[in-house]
Amino acid sequence: MKMLALALIVTFAAPRAAEHFVSPAGKPDNAGTKESPWDLATALSSAKKVEPGSTIWVQGGTYTGKFQVKLAGTEAAPIRVRVPRGERATVLNSGIDVVEPTNYVWLQDLEIMGDAPVEKRVTKLTGSWPNDMPGTNGLNIHAGKGCKYIDLVIHDNILGGVGWWIGSTDSEFHGCVIYNNGWNAPDRSHGHCIYTQNKDGTKTISNCILTVPSWGGSYTMHAYGSKKAFVDNYVIEDNIVYERGTFLVGGGQPSHNITIRRNYIHGLNLQIGYGAENEDCEIRDNVIVGKLTISKYKKVVDEGNTLDSTQARSIVTPDKYDPGRAHVAIFNASKAPECRINVAKLLKPGDAFRLMDPKDLFGKPVLEGACDGERIAIPMGGEFAVYVLLKK
């Protein structure tokens, strides 16, 4: 009987998901093991057979070239593209395009950045796509059902952070930090954190940190399109949006099924509706130091939104895909020199932590130590601050 039980255990044990490895020194003809890694373009392009449920580990270093994601997982077994904890993997001056036949792929923890100095991000041309500057969006998503973009750091890309188009359905951005993208032109500054359109399925944008620079950039959230484009079926929640760059959802086509809730906005405006006569929206429990505009909607839920800039408050939002991470927003209108924030959602007494500036996520911590209770004290002085809180 014991031998039969053992045989049953062996027979029905789930197969171990495959792991593949990538490094800056990898080669297309390598085996894809840690000792013999692929290059990144090969791993993402489906040139090698990557089965649903596999993980592609992108090891630390800098990657340049042309990168297209053409991987196909399943709903039950997505393909994960991840960076090992504690490593920094940077896609530099290249951007990533997500195209057919991509489905059910998770991109997590990559840094996607440009390094052109500010004086090079200037064009003599007007319009959205000047051809006299080298550069690209950081991430262009043209396809993919059921994909997730998790804890990406997207910054300093000349032509904007993210372009997320209607070929992508039922997908999600979560925990991403997007800043300093864009350029200057004779007509205005251009480039967005996220420029997105949607028709079928639902796009979710949650727990992200978004801002545009003072010298360029345009919108933090630009869910927008002309009369020929669609801006439907969005859930936008728990994001921290600050400094500058209007947060806009609306366009020339009537919008349907727009949900904007629990966003924390400082120094800019939340604008829902633009141009067209729209159908329905739910705008709930947002904290806004700026203006809230809801225009041309037939059915509106406008509840729990706060425009009071004098009330002190702090928000800690845990990352649902990384149990050791949370995003923090602190409203401090009185400019108190110190704020104590409740971190019990992430830390237990004795847990070591690092508090990071989102614009210097791989640099020196703003504060580090061990949690001695439910709260930690954060030096302040300004009227607003945003951080990434990491459990060591």
Protein backbone atom coordinates (compact mmCIF):
# COMPACT_ATOMS: atom_id res chain seq x y z
CA MET A 1 0.00 0.00 0.00
CA LYS A 2 2.86 2.38 0.82
CA MET A 3 4.43 1.73 -2.58
CA LEU A 4 1.09 2.38 -4.31
CA ALA A 5 0.64 5.68 -2.43
CA LEU A 6 4.14 6.76 -3.45
CA ALA A 7 3.45 5.86 -7.06
CA LEU A 8 0.28 7.95 -7.03
CA ILE A 9 2.15 10.93 -5.64
CA VAL A 10 4.74 10.67 -8.40
CA THR A 11 2.12 10.13 -11.09
CA PHE A 12 -0.02 13.13 -10.20
CA ALA A 13 2.67 15.63 -9.15
CA ALA A 14 2.40 18.84 -11.19
CA PRO A 15 5.23 19.36 -13.68
CA ARG A 16 7.71 22.04 -12.69
CA ALA A 17 7.38 25.20 -14.80
CA ALA A 18 10.32 25.82 -17.11
CA GLU A 19 12.82 28.58 -16.31
CA HIS A 20 14.86 30.38 -18.94
CA PHE A 21 17.61 32.94 -18.45
CA VAL A 22 18.69 36.09 -20.28
CA SER A 23 21.77 38.26 -19.84
CA PRO A 24 23.37 41.20 -21.68
CA ALA A 25 26.09 38.81 -22.85
CA GLY A 26 23.60 36.13 -23.95
CA LYS A 27 23.48 34.71 -27.47
CA PRO A 28 20.63 33.51 -29.70
CA ASP A 29 22.08 30.00 -30.04
CA ASN A 30 22.66 29.45 -26.34
CA ALA A 31 20.60 26.99 -24.31
CA GLY A 32 18.71 29.62 -22.29
CA THR A 33 20.10 28.30 -18.99
CA LYS A 34 21.74 30.41 -16.31
CA GLU A 35 25.13 29.17 -17.50
CA SER A 36 24.25 29.62 -21.18
CA PRO A 37 21.72 32.48 -21.36
CA TRP A 38 19.84 33.88 -24.34
CA ASP A 39 19.96 37.48 -25.43
CA LEU A 40 16.82 39.49 -24.59
CA ALA A 41 15.58 39.92 -28.17
CA THR A 42 15.64 36.16 -28.72
CA ALA A 43 13.82 35.41 -25.46
CA LEU A 44 11.00 37.89 -26.11
CA SER A 45 10.51 37.23 -29.79
CA SER A 46 9.37 33.57 -29.63
CA ALA A 47 12.40 32.58 -31.69
CA LYS A 48 12.82 29.91 -29.02
CA LYS A 49 9.97 27.75 -27.77
CA VAL A 50 8.75 29.23 -24.48
CA GLU A 51 5.87 27.19 -23.11
CA PRO A 52 2.92 28.64 -21.16
CA GLY A 53 3.73 28.77 -17.47
CA SER A 54 7.43 29.44 -18.06
CA THR A 55 9.47 32.18 -16.39
CA ILE A 56 12.11 34.15 -18.28
CA TRP A 57 14.62 35.61 -15.81
CA VAL A 58 16.18 38.85 -17.11
CA GLN A 59 19.44 39.11 -15.23
CA GLY A 60 20.94 42.42 -14.15
CA GLY A 61 22.69 44.66 -16.67
CA THR A 62 21.98 46.96 -19.61
CA TYR A 63 20.16 45.79 -22.75
CA THR A 64 20.15 47.65 -26.06
CA GLY A 65 18.69 46.70 -29.42
CA LYS A 66 15.22 46.19 -30.86
CA PHE A 67 12.80 44.30 -28.62
CA GLN A 68 9.44 42.87 -29.59
CA VAL A 69 7.35 40.69 -27.29
CA LYS A 70 5.73 37.81 -29.22
CA LEU A 71 5.09 35.33 -26.43
CA ALA A 72 1.88 33.37 -25.91
CA GLY A 73 0.88 32.07 -22.51
CA THR A 74 -2.58 31.01 -21.38
CA GLU A 75 -4.95 32.36 -18.75
CA ALA A 76 -4.13 29.43 -16.46
CA ALA A 77 -0.40 29.51 -17.27
CA PRO A 78 0.91 32.97 -18.18
CA ILE A 79 4.51 33.49 -19.25
CA ARG A 80 6.38 35.66 -16.74
CA VAL A 81 9.29 37.90 -17.72
CA ARG A 82 10.96 38.95 -14.46
CA VAL A 83 14.09 40.45 -12.94
CA PRO A 84 15.66 38.52 -10.02
CA ARG A 85 15.12 40.30 -6.71
CA GLY A 86 17.90 42.76 -5.91
CA GLU A 87 19.08 43.09 -9.52
CA ARG A 88 18.63 46.01 -11.96
CA ALA A 89 17.88 45.15 -15.58
CA THR A 90 17.73 48.23 -17.85
CA VAL A 91 16.42 48.44 -21.40
CA LEU A 92 18.28 51.53 -22.62
CA ASN A 93 17.30 53.79 -25.53
CA SER A 94 15.39 50.97 -27.16
CA GLY A 95 11.86 50.63 -25.88
CA ILE A 96 9.78 47.46 -26.02
CA ASP A 97 6.94 46.73 -28.47
CA VAL A 98 4.25 44.20 -27.57
CA VAL A 99 2.76 42.76 -30.77
CA GLU A 100 0.84 39.75 -32.06
CA PRO A 101 0.63 36.87 -31.18
CA THR A 102 1.24 37.96 -27.57
CA ASN A 103 -1.29 36.84 -24.95
CA TYR A 104 -1.14 36.27 -21.19
CA VAL A 105 2.36 37.64 -20.59
CA TRP A 106 3.51 39.33 -17.37
CA LEU A 107 6.37 41.84 -17.60
CA GLN A 108 7.71 42.65 -14.12
CA ASP A 109 10.46 44.80 -12.55
CA LEU A 110 12.19 45.94 -15.76
CA GLU A 111 13.59 49.46 -16.07
CA ILE A 112 12.85 51.01 -19.48
CA MET A 113 14.67 54.30 -19.95
CA GLY A 114 16.38 56.77 -22.25
CA ASP A 115 19.48 58.76 -21.41
CA ALA A 116 19.27 61.76 -23.79
CA PRO A 117 19.95 65.03 -21.92
CA VAL A 118 17.16 67.59 -21.70
CA GLU A 119 18.73 69.86 -24.33
CA LYS A 120 18.49 67.03 -26.87
CA ARG A 121 14.75 66.56 -26.30
CA VAL A 122 13.79 69.54 -28.43
CA THR A 123 12.31 69.54 -31.93
CA LYS A 124 11.55 72.21 -34.51
CA LEU A 125 8.46 70.27 -35.59
CA THR A 126 4.96 70.45 -34.17
CA GLY A 127 2.63 67.50 -33.66
CA SER A 128 2.71 64.26 -31.76
CA TRP A 129 5.30 62.23 -33.67
CA PRO A 130 8.29 64.35 -34.77
CA ASN A 131 10.79 62.52 -36.97
CA ASP A 132 13.81 64.72 -36.28
CA MET A 133 14.61 63.29 -32.82
CA PRO A 134 16.03 59.86 -32.11
CA GLY A 135 13.92 58.04 -29.56
CA THR A 136 10.79 56.08 -28.88
CA ASN A 137 8.08 55.46 -26.31
CA GLY A 138 9.37 53.35 -23.48
CA LEU A 139 6.67 50.70 -23.93
CA ASN A 140 4.33 50.35 -26.94
CA ILE A 141 1.52 47.83 -26.46
CA HIS A 142 -0.32 46.97 -29.67
CA ALA A 143 -1.62 43.49 -28.78
CA GLY A 144 -2.21 40.99 -26.02
CA LYS A 145 -5.11 39.66 -23.97
CA GLY A 146 -4.74 39.09 -20.25
CA CYS A 147 -1.31 40.71 -19.97
CA LYS A 148 0.09 42.38 -16.86
CA TYR A 149 2.73 45.10 -16.60
CA ILE A 150 3.96 45.03 -13.03
CA ASP A 151 6.36 47.29 -11.09
CA LEU A 152 8.05 48.60 -14.24
CA VAL A 153 10.17 51.75 -13.99
CA ILE A 154 9.72 53.81 -17.18
CA HIS A 155 11.55 57.13 -17.38
CA ASP A 156 13.41 59.64 -19.56
CA ASN A 157 12.13 58.23 -22.84
CA ILE A 158 12.07 60.96 -25.49
CA LEU A 159 8.68 60.22 -27.05
CA GLY A 160 6.73 59.37 -23.90
CA GLY A 161 6.40 56.59 -21.36
CA VAL A 162 3.67 54.17 -22.46
CA GLY A 163 1.48 53.86 -25.56
CA TRP A 164 -1.31 51.35 -24.80
CA TRP A 165 -3.68 50.73 -27.71
CA ILE A 166 -6.96 48.97 -28.48
CA GLY A 167 -5.32 45.75 -29.70
CA SER A 168 -4.57 45.02 -26.03
CA THR A 169 -7.61 43.76 -24.09
CA ASP A 170 -8.43 42.80 -20.51
CA SER A 171 -4.96 43.76 -19.33
CA GLU A 172 -3.46 45.64 -16.39
CA PHE A 173 -0.77 48.09 -15.31
CA HIS A 174 0.07 47.75 -11.62
CA GLY A 175 2.72 49.31 -9.41
CA CYS A 176 4.61 51.02 -12.23
CA VAL A 177 6.67 54.19 -11.69
CA ILE A 178 6.60 56.49 -14.73
CA TYR A 179 8.32 59.90 -14.84
CA ASN A 180 10.46 62.37 -16.85
CA ASN A 181 9.23 61.27 -20.28
CA GLY A 182 8.61 63.68 -23.14
CA TRP A 183 10.01 66.50 -25.27
CA ASN A 184 9.58 70.16 -26.18
CA ALA A 185 8.31 71.60 -29.47
CA PRO A 186 7.41 75.07 -30.81
CA ASP A 187 3.69 74.53 -30.10
CA ARG A 188 3.97 73.02 -26.58
CA SER A 189 5.56 70.30 -24.52
CA HIS A 190 4.66 66.73 -25.54
CA GLY A 191 4.79 63.20 -24.19
CA HIS A 192 2.72 61.39 -21.57
CA CYS A 193 3.18 58.93 -18.77
CA ILE A 194 0.42 56.75 -20.25
CA TYR A 195 -1.35 57.43 -23.56
CA THR A 196 -4.12 54.87 -23.96
CA GLN A 197 -7.25 53.94 -25.90
CA ASN A 198 -9.62 51.03 -25.38
CA LYS A 199 -12.71 49.46 -26.91
CA ASP A 200 -13.19 45.79 -25.91
CA GLY A 201 -12.54 44.27 -22.52
CA THR A 202 -11.31 46.34 -19.57
CA LYS A 203 -7.99 48.09 -19.06
CA THR A 204 -6.96 48.49 -15.41
CA ILE A 205 -4.36 50.99 -14.19
CA SER A 206 -3.68 50.63 -10.47
CA ASN A 207 -1.20 51.65 -7.79
CA CYS A 208 1.09 53.46 -10.23
CA ILE A 209 3.15 56.61 -9.56
CA LEU A 210 2.93 59.16 -12.39
CA THR A 211 4.46 62.58 -13.01
CA VAL A 212 5.80 64.64 -15.92
CA PRO A 213 8.86 66.93 -15.80
CA SER A 214 8.83 70.72 -15.63
CA TRP A 215 10.78 71.06 -18.89
CA GLY A 216 8.59 68.81 -21.04
CA GLY A 217 5.88 66.21 -21.06
CA SER A 218 2.18 66.82 -21.22
CA TYR A 219 -0.35 64.51 -19.50
CA THR A 220 0.13 62.01 -16.71
CA MET A 221 -2.94 60.01 -17.78
CA HIS A 222 -4.04 60.54 -21.37
CA ALA A 223 -6.93 58.17 -22.04
CA TYR A 224 -7.89 60.08 -25.14
CA GLY A 225 -8.78 59.72 -28.79
CA SER A 226 -10.33 61.51 -31.75
CA LYS A 227 -13.85 60.83 -33.07
CA LYS A 228 -12.46 57.67 -34.70
CA ALA A 229 -10.88 56.30 -31.51
CA PHE A 230 -12.39 54.66 -28.40
CA VAL A 231 -12.01 55.45 -24.70
CA ASP A 232 -14.22 52.81 -23.04
CA ASN A 233 -14.04 50.34 -20.14
CA TYR A 234 -11.37 51.66 -17.77
CA VAL A 235 -10.73 51.01 -14.10
CA ILE A 236 -8.18 53.53 -12.81
CA GLU A 237 -7.59 53.21 -9.06
CA ASP A 238 -5.12 53.72 -6.21
CA ASN A 239 -2.63 55.71 -8.29
CA ILE A 240 -0.45 58.57 -7.01
CA VAL A 241 -0.26 61.43 -9.51
CA TYR A 242 1.69 64.56 -8.64
CA GLU A 243 3.59 67.74 -9.57
CA ARG A 244 2.20 68.40 -13.05
CA GLY A 245 0.51 66.89 -16.11
CA THR A 246 -3.29 66.86 -16.36
CA PHE A 247 -5.05 63.54 -15.69
CA LEU A 248 -7.53 63.22 -18.59
CA VAL A 249 -10.03 60.50 -19.51
CA GLY A 250 -12.15 61.42 -22.53
CA GLY A 251 -12.10 62.13 -26.26
CA GLY A 252 -14.08 62.72 -29.40
CA GLN A 253 -15.98 59.41 -29.21
CA PRO A 254 -18.58 58.88 -26.42
CA SER A 255 -17.00 57.08 -23.45
CA HIS A 256 -18.65 54.17 -21.60
CA ASN A 257 -17.96 52.43 -18.31
CA ILE A 258 -15.30 54.69 -16.76
CA THR A 259 -14.33 54.02 -13.12
CA ILE A 260 -11.90 56.37 -11.35
CA ARG A 261 -11.53 55.65 -7.64
CA ARG A 262 -9.10 56.16 -4.75
CA ASN A 263 -6.53 58.12 -6.71
CA TYR A 264 -4.29 60.59 -4.86
CA ILE A 265 -3.61 63.68 -6.93
CA HIS A 266 -1.52 66.69 -5.95
CA GLY A 267 -0.78 69.81 -7.98
CA LEU A 268 -2.78 68.97 -11.12
CA ASN A 269 -6.33 68.52 -12.36
CA LEU A 270 -8.54 65.45 -12.79
CA GLN A 271 -10.58 65.91 -15.99
CA ILE A 272 -13.24 63.33 -16.90
CA GLY A 273 -14.86 63.91 -20.27
CA TYR A 274 -13.66 65.79 -23.33
CA GLY A 275 -15.58 66.79 -26.43
CA ALA A 276 -18.11 64.01 -26.88
CA GLU A 277 -21.41 63.41 -25.08
CA ASN A 278 -20.52 60.46 -22.85
CA GLU A 279 -22.50 57.63 -21.25
CA ASP A 280 -21.54 56.62 -17.69
CA CYS A 281 -18.78 57.11 -15.14
CA GLU A 282 -18.08 56.42 -11.47
CA ILE A 283 -15.73 58.93 -9.81
CA ARG A 284 -15.36 57.92 -6.18
CA ASP A 285 -13.12 58.51 -3.14
CA ASN A 286 -10.36 60.43 -4.91
CA VAL A 287 -8.21 62.95 -3.01
CA ILE A 288 -7.40 65.89 -5.25
CA VAL A 289 -5.32 68.99 -4.54
CA GLY A 290 -6.35 70.58 -7.82
CA LYS A 291 -9.60 70.72 -9.78
CA LEU A 292 -12.09 67.96 -10.55
CA THR A 293 -14.08 68.34 -13.77
CA ILE A 294 -16.73 65.84 -14.89
CA SER A 295 -18.31 66.93 -18.15
CA LYS A 296 -20.92 65.71 -20.64
CA TYR A 297 -21.91 62.44 -18.96
CA LYS A 298 -25.49 61.12 -19.00
CA LYS A 299 -24.99 59.05 -15.83
CA VAL A 300 -22.52 60.10 -13.12
CA VAL A 301 -21.59 58.70 -9.72
CA ASP A 302 -19.65 61.45 -7.93
CA GLU A 303 -19.17 60.36 -4.32
CA GLY A 304 -16.57 60.68 -1.60
CA ASN A 305 -14.17 62.86 -3.59
CA THR A 306 -12.12 65.26 -1.45
CA LEU A 307 -10.76 68.59 -2.67
CA ASP A 308 -9.73 69.82 0.79
CA SER A 309 -6.05 70.71 0.62
CA THR A 310 -5.69 71.43 4.35
CA GLN A 311 -6.35 68.00 5.83
CA ALA A 312 -3.25 65.98 6.69
CA ARG A 313 -3.38 62.36 5.56
CA SER A 314 -1.14 59.50 4.51
CA ILE A 315 -1.95 56.57 2.26
CA VAL A 316 -0.06 53.27 2.09
CA THR A 317 -1.12 51.00 -0.77
CA PRO A 318 0.46 47.51 -0.82
CA ASP A 319 1.55 46.01 -4.12
CA LYS A 320 -0.70 43.04 -4.88
CA TYR A 321 2.02 41.20 -6.82
CA ASP A 322 4.97 41.90 -4.49
CA PRO A 323 4.29 41.31 -0.77
CA GLY A 324 7.38 43.34 0.14
CA ARG A 325 6.37 46.61 -1.53
CA ALA A 326 3.90 49.48 -1.07
CA HIS A 327 3.44 52.99 -2.46
CA VAL A 328 3.07 55.91 -0.05
CA ALA A 329 1.46 59.34 -0.51
CA ILE A 330 1.60 62.00 2.23
CA PHE A 331 -0.52 65.16 2.19
CA ASN A 332 1.10 67.67 4.55
CA ALA A 333 -0.45 71.09 3.91
CA SER A 334 0.89 72.49 7.19
CA LYS A 335 4.44 71.52 6.18
CA ALA A 336 5.00 69.70 9.43
CA PRO A 337 8.65 68.65 9.78
CA GLU A 338 7.72 65.01 10.40
CA CYS A 339 4.82 62.68 9.59
CA ARG A 340 4.13 59.32 11.18
CA ILE A 341 2.54 56.86 8.76
CA ASN A 342 0.79 53.59 9.49
CA VAL A 343 2.71 50.77 7.78
CA ALA A 344 0.90 47.81 9.35
CA LYS A 345 -0.37 46.73 5.91
CA LEU A 346 3.25 45.94 4.92
CA LEU A 347 5.50 45.73 7.97
CA LYS A 348 5.45 43.93 11.30
CA PRO A 349 7.44 45.10 14.34
CA GLY A 350 11.07 44.24 13.75
CA ASP A 351 10.86 44.20 9.94
CA ALA A 352 13.68 46.08 8.21
CA PHE A 353 12.62 48.55 5.53
CA ARG A 354 13.89 51.02 2.96
CA LEU A 355 11.97 54.15 1.93
CA MET A 356 12.82 55.16 -1.64
CA ASP A 357 12.35 58.25 -3.79
CA PRO A 358 10.41 56.91 -6.83
CA LYS A 359 12.64 58.99 -9.12
CA ASP A 360 15.72 57.32 -7.65
CA LEU A 361 14.43 53.83 -7.02
CA PHE A 362 17.84 52.18 -7.45
CA GLY A 363 19.73 54.78 -5.43
CA LYS A 364 20.26 55.57 -1.77
CA PRO A 365 17.24 55.22 0.54
CA VAL A 366 15.60 58.35 1.87
CA LEU A 367 15.19 56.46 5.13
CA GLU A 368 15.97 52.95 6.33
CA GLY A 369 15.71 51.10 9.58
CA ALA A 370 13.53 48.64 11.44
CA CYS A 371 9.84 49.03 12.21
CA ASP A 372 9.22 49.23 15.97
CA GLY A 373 5.43 49.36 15.84
CA GLU A 374 2.60 50.15 13.45
CA ARG A 375 4.06 53.52 12.42
CA ILE A 376 7.31 54.95 11.13
CA ALA A 377 8.34 58.61 11.29
CA ILE A 378 9.25 60.25 7.97
CA PRO A 379 11.10 63.60 7.80
CA MET A 380 9.04 66.09 5.81
CA GLY A 381 8.91 69.84 5.32
CA GLY A 382 7.05 70.06 2.01
CA GLU A 383 3.28 69.85 1.58
CA PHE A 384 3.32 66.58 -0.38
CA ALA A 385 5.59 63.56 -0.72
CA VAL A 386 5.53 60.21 -2.49
CA TYR A 387 7.66 57.17 -1.75
CA VAL A 388 8.14 53.50 -2.51
CA LEU A 389 8.32 51.49 0.72
CA LEU A 390 10.26 48.22 0.50
CA LYS A 391 10.54 45.47 3.09
CA LYS A 392 14.08 44.13 3.23
